[in-house]
Amino acid sequence: MMKTSLAVGIWLYLVVASVVEVVAYRVNPGGLNIDIVIGVIASVSAVVTALFSMNIREESTAVKYLFLVPVLLVGVLIITLLLAFPIIQ
């Protein structure tokens, strides 16, 4: 079982990360740097959620890497797509 303080800390991080994403978007909607920042924050939030909510942190190191590699690859794909749009237009 997870300690209550750890669960509250994770919940607080996810709430703060969501607020930071919204504030970052409101500063410059559609800006490339803002999109990259929001993507990084969302990727970190996904990793935190998987490690603690799905109990992946208690698995072996190989299982952790099997989860983290696709998250990083999706992040690279999204950033690449964002960088490709100015070239297409």
Protein backbone atom coordinates (compact mmCIF):
# COMPACT_ATOMS: atom_id res chain seq x y z
CA MET A 1 0.00 0.00 0.00
CA MET A 2 1.14 3.51 -0.75
CA LYS A 3 1.69 5.98 2.07
CA THR A 4 -0.91 8.72 2.35
CA SER A 5 1.69 11.49 2.11
CA LEU A 6 3.05 10.00 -1.13
CA ALA A 7 -0.43 9.74 -2.63
CA VAL A 8 -1.21 13.35 -1.68
CA GLY A 9 2.13 14.48 -3.09
CA ILE A 10 1.45 12.77 -6.42
CA TRP A 11 -2.06 14.21 -6.55
CA LEU A 12 -0.70 17.67 -5.76
CA TYR A 13 1.95 17.36 -8.48
CA LEU A 14 -0.66 16.37 -11.07
CA VAL A 15 -2.91 19.29 -10.08
CA VAL A 16 -0.03 21.78 -10.23
CA ALA A 17 1.16 20.35 -13.57
CA SER A 18 -2.33 20.74 -15.02
CA VAL A 19 -2.55 24.35 -13.84
CA VAL A 20 0.91 25.09 -15.28
CA GLU A 21 -0.16 23.62 -18.63
CA VAL A 22 -3.28 25.81 -18.75
CA VAL A 23 -1.38 28.95 -17.72
CA ALA A 24 1.36 28.24 -20.27
CA TYR A 25 -1.24 27.87 -23.00
CA ARG A 26 -3.01 31.08 -22.01
CA VAL A 27 0.27 33.02 -22.23
CA ASN A 28 0.87 32.22 -25.92
CA PRO A 29 -1.78 29.98 -27.50
CA GLY A 30 -0.41 27.97 -30.39
CA GLY A 31 3.22 28.96 -29.87
CA LEU A 32 5.71 26.24 -30.74
CA ASN A 33 7.71 26.59 -27.51
CA ILE A 34 4.53 26.49 -25.43
CA ASP A 35 3.41 23.33 -27.23
CA ILE A 36 6.75 21.68 -26.50
CA VAL A 37 6.57 22.69 -22.82
CA ILE A 38 3.02 21.35 -22.51
CA GLY A 39 4.09 18.10 -24.20
CA VAL A 40 7.01 17.63 -21.82
CA ILE A 41 4.84 18.33 -18.77
CA ALA A 42 2.19 15.90 -20.04
CA SER A 43 4.83 13.21 -20.67
CA VAL A 44 6.23 13.57 -17.17
CA SER A 45 2.70 13.42 -15.74
CA ALA A 46 2.02 10.22 -17.72
CA VAL A 47 5.19 8.64 -16.36
CA VAL A 48 4.36 9.65 -12.77
CA THR A 49 0.82 8.28 -13.16
CA ALA A 50 2.07 4.98 -14.55
CA LEU A 51 4.81 4.55 -11.97
CA PHE A 52 2.57 5.10 -8.99
CA SER A 53 -1.02 4.35 -10.02
CA MET A 54 -0.13 1.20 -11.93
CA ASN A 55 2.57 0.14 -9.43
CA ILE A 56 5.22 -0.02 -12.14
CA ARG A 57 7.77 1.42 -9.71
CA GLU A 58 7.72 -1.93 -7.90
CA GLU A 59 8.55 -3.88 -11.08
CA SER A 60 12.01 -4.75 -12.34
CA THR A 61 14.11 -2.18 -14.15
CA ALA A 62 13.48 -3.82 -17.53
CA VAL A 63 9.72 -3.40 -17.17
CA LYS A 64 10.18 0.26 -16.25
CA TYR A 65 12.24 0.86 -19.39
CA LEU A 66 9.68 -0.98 -21.51
CA PHE A 67 7.14 1.61 -20.37
CA LEU A 68 9.37 4.68 -20.55
CA VAL A 69 10.76 4.12 -24.06
CA PRO A 70 7.37 4.39 -25.86
CA VAL A 71 6.50 7.53 -23.89
CA LEU A 72 9.74 9.15 -25.00
CA LEU A 73 9.24 8.04 -28.61
CA VAL A 74 5.74 9.52 -28.69
CA GLY A 75 7.14 12.77 -27.31
CA VAL A 76 9.78 12.88 -30.05
CA LEU A 77 7.12 12.13 -32.67
CA ILE A 78 4.88 14.95 -31.45
CA ILE A 79 7.76 17.44 -31.38
CA THR A 80 8.79 16.37 -34.89
CA LEU A 81 5.25 16.86 -36.16
CA LEU A 82 5.07 20.30 -34.55
CA LEU A 83 8.32 21.30 -36.21
CA ALA A 84 7.10 20.04 -39.60
CA PHE A 85 4.04 22.30 -39.76
CA PRO A 86 5.84 25.57 -40.59
CA ILE A 87 7.64 23.77 -43.45
CA ILE A 88 4.35 22.51 -44.94
CA GLN A 89 2.63 25.88 -44.75
